[in-house]
Amino acid sequence: MSGITYSISKDVFNRFPDFIRGVLVAGDVENRPSPDELIGLLRQAENDLREELMGQDLAAYPRIYSWREAFRSLGIKPSEFRSSIESMARRVMNGSELPSINVLVDIGNIISLRHLIPVGGHALDHIKDEITLRPAYGDETFIPFGSQETEHPEPGEFIFTEGSMVLTRRWVWRQSNHTLTELDTRTVEFNLDGLPPVNYDLIEQAGNDLADLVNQFCGGSTVYQALSWENQRIMIDR
């Protein structure tokens, strides 16, 4: 196993000192199409969310509202660029079922719905450089999921990167093709993001929930760490 430095820029914490990112690394996993049992858990998470949020204004719900306000403070229109959890929640509340992609992707979606937080999974098999969440310079490269067109982030935009390759734009908005979790993925890291009212303990709880599902359906081993104002850099194995 070799180590990768994973950091969050102090510029992010200067703007959002209570931001917390849980990082779960799963190694030697066996990814595969999801069995019926896991798809059932995905459908249950969707149904539970519909019951919890029925009749409520989704944009005003605290765990959605915090991301809308964060985006707004960064100059991002939250109605135009929705956080991943808001986009997913809106889709579910509109009665749609999330498609089953594979075990690792479905597990991430289940945890996101259960805890109503952004969860992003990135395959580490081909990662070579340091990965970091930081403001963009504007010359980095981003190829959106499902596209071959190259984009460049706005200067100052929060991006998750490997070197100059953007893995996620606008903090928790859209992921790239670069680290897609596919059937041949053997090492993956999940980001679990929280802004108040979500705190350190709630993110750790979601991380434990995630680890249990990965161990149950993919085998391998998992290691959880957290990045915060007090701990802005970690080392992860791949």
Protein backbone atom coordinates (compact mmCIF):
# COMPACT_ATOMS: atom_id res chain seq x y z
CA MET A 1 0.00 0.00 0.00
CA SER A 2 1.21 3.53 -0.73
CA GLY A 3 0.15 6.72 0.98
CA ILE A 4 -1.57 9.77 -0.47
CA THR A 5 -1.73 13.15 1.23
CA TYR A 6 -5.30 14.40 1.59
CA SER A 7 -5.88 17.95 2.76
CA ILE A 8 -8.43 20.73 2.98
CA SER A 9 -7.18 24.25 2.41
CA LYS A 10 -7.32 26.64 5.35
CA ASP A 11 -9.18 28.98 2.98
CA VAL A 12 -12.15 26.61 3.17
CA PHE A 13 -12.12 26.57 6.97
CA ASN A 14 -11.63 30.33 7.17
CA ARG A 15 -14.99 30.69 5.43
CA PHE A 16 -16.66 27.70 7.10
CA PRO A 17 -14.90 26.91 10.40
CA ASP A 18 -17.53 24.33 11.45
CA PHE A 19 -17.26 22.31 8.23
CA ILE A 20 -16.44 18.66 8.82
CA ARG A 21 -15.48 16.04 6.25
CA GLY A 22 -15.42 12.38 7.18
CA VAL A 23 -13.20 10.24 4.95
CA LEU A 24 -13.75 6.49 4.73
CA VAL A 25 -11.20 4.50 2.71
CA ALA A 26 -12.21 0.98 1.66
CA GLY A 27 -9.52 -1.29 0.29
CA ASP A 28 -9.47 -4.74 -1.32
CA VAL A 29 -13.18 -4.44 -2.01
CA GLU A 30 -15.16 -6.53 -4.48
CA ASN A 31 -17.50 -4.23 -6.37
CA ARG A 32 -20.35 -5.80 -8.36
CA PRO A 33 -23.92 -5.19 -9.49
CA SER A 34 -26.09 -4.67 -6.43
CA PRO A 35 -27.98 -7.70 -5.11
CA ASP A 36 -31.69 -7.46 -4.38
CA GLU A 37 -31.01 -7.02 -0.66
CA LEU A 38 -29.00 -3.84 -1.21
CA ILE A 39 -31.47 -2.45 -3.76
CA GLY A 40 -34.13 -3.04 -1.12
CA LEU A 41 -32.14 -0.91 1.34
CA LEU A 42 -31.93 1.84 -1.28
CA ARG A 43 -35.70 1.76 -1.79
CA GLN A 44 -36.22 1.79 1.97
CA ALA A 45 -33.99 4.84 2.34
CA GLU A 46 -36.04 6.59 -0.36
CA ASN A 47 -39.32 5.73 1.36
CA ASP A 48 -38.03 6.82 4.77
CA LEU A 49 -36.96 10.16 3.34
CA ARG A 50 -40.37 10.73 1.73
CA GLU A 51 -42.04 10.06 5.07
CA GLU A 52 -39.64 12.34 6.96
CA LEU A 53 -39.92 15.30 4.57
CA MET A 54 -43.51 14.95 3.40
CA GLY A 55 -45.25 18.32 3.37
CA GLN A 56 -42.09 20.26 4.24
CA ASP A 57 -40.32 22.95 2.27
CA LEU A 58 -37.20 21.08 1.16
CA ALA A 59 -35.16 24.25 0.65
CA ALA A 60 -35.82 25.26 4.26
CA TYR A 61 -35.00 21.89 5.81
CA PRO A 62 -31.89 22.50 8.00
CA ARG A 63 -29.57 19.94 6.39
CA ILE A 64 -30.46 21.28 2.93
CA TYR A 65 -30.70 24.94 3.87
CA SER A 66 -27.14 25.00 5.27
CA TRP A 67 -25.74 24.02 1.86
CA ARG A 68 -27.94 26.51 0.04
CA GLU A 69 -26.66 29.30 2.29
CA ALA A 70 -23.05 28.16 1.91
CA PHE A 71 -23.39 28.15 -1.87
CA ARG A 72 -25.05 31.56 -1.81
CA SER A 73 -22.24 33.02 0.30
CA LEU A 74 -19.75 31.75 -2.29
CA GLY A 75 -21.62 33.45 -5.13
CA ILE A 76 -23.18 30.20 -6.37
CA LYS A 77 -26.90 30.37 -7.10
CA PRO A 78 -28.32 27.44 -5.08
CA SER A 79 -31.35 27.10 -7.34
CA GLU A 80 -29.09 26.75 -10.39
CA PHE A 81 -26.31 24.64 -8.86
CA ARG A 82 -27.83 22.42 -6.18
CA SER A 83 -25.72 20.46 -3.72
CA SER A 84 -25.66 16.74 -4.44
CA ILE A 85 -27.89 15.96 -1.46
CA GLU A 86 -30.51 18.53 -2.47
CA SER A 87 -30.58 17.21 -6.04
CA MET A 88 -30.95 13.65 -4.80
CA ALA A 89 -33.59 14.54 -2.21
CA ARG A 90 -35.65 16.48 -4.75
CA ARG A 91 -35.56 13.56 -7.14
CA VAL A 92 -36.75 11.19 -4.43
CA MET A 93 -39.44 13.58 -3.16
CA ASN A 94 -40.75 13.88 -6.72
CA GLY A 95 -41.43 10.14 -6.63
CA SER A 96 -38.48 8.92 -8.69
CA GLU A 97 -36.35 5.92 -7.79
CA LEU A 98 -32.59 6.29 -7.92
CA PRO A 99 -31.07 3.89 -10.45
CA SER A 100 -28.98 1.05 -9.09
CA ILE A 101 -25.43 1.51 -10.45
CA ASN A 102 -23.24 -0.90 -8.51
CA VAL A 103 -22.69 -1.88 -4.89
CA LEU A 104 -20.29 0.94 -3.94
CA VAL A 105 -22.28 3.69 -5.63
CA ASP A 106 -25.57 2.42 -4.21
CA ILE A 107 -24.11 2.25 -0.69
CA GLY A 108 -23.00 5.87 -0.95
CA ASN A 109 -26.49 6.90 -2.05
CA ILE A 110 -28.10 4.96 0.79
CA ILE A 111 -25.94 6.72 3.38
CA SER A 112 -26.58 10.10 1.77
CA LEU A 113 -30.35 9.57 1.98
CA ARG A 114 -30.31 8.04 5.47
CA HIS A 115 -28.33 10.90 6.98
CA LEU A 116 -29.27 13.66 4.52
CA ILE A 117 -25.67 14.65 3.83
CA PRO A 118 -23.56 14.87 0.67
CA VAL A 119 -21.62 11.64 0.12
CA GLY A 120 -19.17 11.28 -2.76
CA GLY A 121 -17.19 8.19 -3.69
CA HIS A 122 -13.90 8.31 -5.62
CA ALA A 123 -11.92 5.35 -6.93
CA LEU A 124 -8.29 5.59 -5.80
CA ASP A 125 -6.85 2.83 -8.00
CA HIS A 126 -5.22 5.26 -10.44
CA ILE A 127 -4.70 8.28 -8.17
CA LYS A 128 -1.05 9.37 -8.03
CA ASP A 129 -0.96 12.97 -6.73
CA GLU A 130 -2.08 14.68 -3.55
CA ILE A 131 -5.82 15.21 -3.29
CA THR A 132 -7.25 18.35 -1.75
CA LEU A 133 -10.34 20.49 -1.32
CA ARG A 134 -9.34 24.07 -2.11
CA PRO A 135 -10.27 27.24 -4.00
CA ALA A 136 -9.65 26.96 -7.74
CA TYR A 137 -7.07 28.95 -9.66
CA GLY A 138 -9.25 28.67 -12.76
CA ASP A 139 -6.90 26.74 -15.05
CA GLU A 140 -7.67 23.27 -13.66
CA THR A 141 -9.30 20.63 -15.87
CA PHE A 142 -12.73 19.13 -15.25
CA ILE A 143 -14.50 16.54 -17.42
CA PRO A 144 -18.04 16.11 -16.06
CA PHE A 145 -19.55 12.71 -15.45
CA GLY A 146 -21.24 11.56 -18.66
CA SER A 147 -19.35 14.01 -20.88
CA GLN A 148 -16.07 14.28 -22.77
CA GLU A 149 -16.08 18.08 -22.82
CA THR A 150 -13.36 19.80 -20.82
CA GLU A 151 -14.36 22.61 -18.45
CA HIS A 152 -12.43 24.94 -16.18
CA PRO A 153 -13.68 26.00 -12.76
CA GLU A 154 -14.25 29.61 -11.79
CA PRO A 155 -11.34 31.17 -9.87
CA GLY A 156 -12.06 30.86 -6.16
CA GLU A 157 -14.62 28.08 -6.61
CA PHE A 158 -14.22 25.26 -4.09
CA ILE A 159 -12.95 22.18 -5.94
CA PHE A 160 -11.79 18.72 -4.93
CA THR A 161 -8.69 17.91 -6.95
CA GLU A 162 -5.90 15.52 -7.75
CA GLY A 163 -3.20 17.97 -8.74
CA SER A 164 -4.76 20.07 -11.51
CA MET A 165 -7.45 17.47 -12.31
CA VAL A 166 -10.79 18.39 -10.76
CA LEU A 167 -12.65 15.49 -9.16
CA THR A 168 -15.65 17.51 -7.94
CA ARG A 169 -16.75 21.04 -8.84
CA ARG A 170 -18.50 23.52 -6.57
CA TRP A 171 -17.63 21.66 -3.37
CA VAL A 172 -20.43 19.06 -3.43
CA TRP A 173 -22.06 19.68 -6.79
CA ARG A 174 -20.87 17.42 -9.61
CA GLN A 175 -18.17 14.75 -9.94
CA SER A 176 -15.88 14.03 -12.88
CA ASN A 177 -15.19 10.97 -14.98
CA HIS A 178 -11.67 10.76 -13.53
CA THR A 179 -12.44 8.75 -10.39
CA LEU A 180 -15.68 6.99 -11.24
CA THR A 181 -16.45 4.00 -9.04
CA GLU A 182 -16.77 1.08 -11.47
CA LEU A 183 -16.95 -2.70 -11.28
CA ASP A 184 -13.16 -3.07 -11.37
CA THR A 185 -12.61 -0.56 -8.55
CA ARG A 186 -10.67 -2.11 -5.68
CA THR A 187 -9.91 0.93 -3.50
CA VAL A 188 -12.33 3.78 -2.95
CA GLU A 189 -12.60 6.77 -0.65
CA PHE A 190 -15.90 8.26 0.43
CA ASN A 191 -16.33 11.88 1.48
CA LEU A 192 -19.10 12.56 4.02
CA ASP A 193 -19.67 16.29 4.36
CA GLY A 194 -21.35 18.21 7.13
CA LEU A 195 -22.26 21.81 7.87
CA PRO A 196 -24.21 22.82 11.00
CA PRO A 197 -26.56 21.44 12.24
CA VAL A 198 -24.56 18.36 11.19
CA ASN A 199 -21.56 18.00 13.49
CA TYR A 200 -18.53 15.77 14.03
CA ASP A 201 -20.45 13.06 15.88
CA LEU A 202 -23.19 12.85 13.24
CA ILE A 203 -20.63 12.53 10.44
CA GLU A 204 -18.80 9.81 12.39
CA GLN A 205 -22.09 7.97 12.87
CA ALA A 206 -22.72 8.13 9.12
CA GLY A 207 -19.16 6.91 8.52
CA ASN A 208 -19.71 3.90 10.77
CA ASP A 209 -22.98 3.16 8.98
CA LEU A 210 -21.15 3.35 5.65
CA ALA A 211 -18.34 1.07 6.84
CA ASP A 212 -20.86 -1.56 7.98
CA LEU A 213 -22.51 -1.67 4.56
CA VAL A 214 -19.19 -1.80 2.70
CA ASN A 215 -17.97 -4.64 4.90
CA GLN A 216 -21.26 -6.51 4.46
CA PHE A 217 -21.56 -6.22 0.70
CA CYS A 218 -17.98 -5.68 -0.57
CA GLY A 219 -15.64 -7.24 1.98
CA GLY A 220 -12.18 -5.74 2.24
CA SER A 221 -11.13 -3.35 4.99
CA THR A 222 -12.17 0.18 5.95
CA VAL A 223 -10.43 3.05 7.73
CA TYR A 224 -12.24 6.20 8.87
CA GLN A 225 -10.64 9.60 9.52
CA ALA A 226 -11.99 13.14 9.69
CA LEU A 227 -10.82 16.49 8.38
CA SER A 228 -11.76 19.63 10.30
CA TRP A 229 -10.42 22.99 11.44
CA GLU A 230 -8.28 21.13 13.98
CA ASN A 231 -7.06 18.49 11.52
CA GLN A 232 -6.65 19.80 7.97
CA ARG A 233 -4.36 17.08 6.57
CA ILE A 234 -4.36 13.28 6.72
CA MET A 235 -2.58 10.41 5.02
CA ILE A 236 -4.60 7.68 3.38
CA ASP A 237 -3.57 4.32 1.95
CA ARG A 238 -4.61 3.06 -1.43
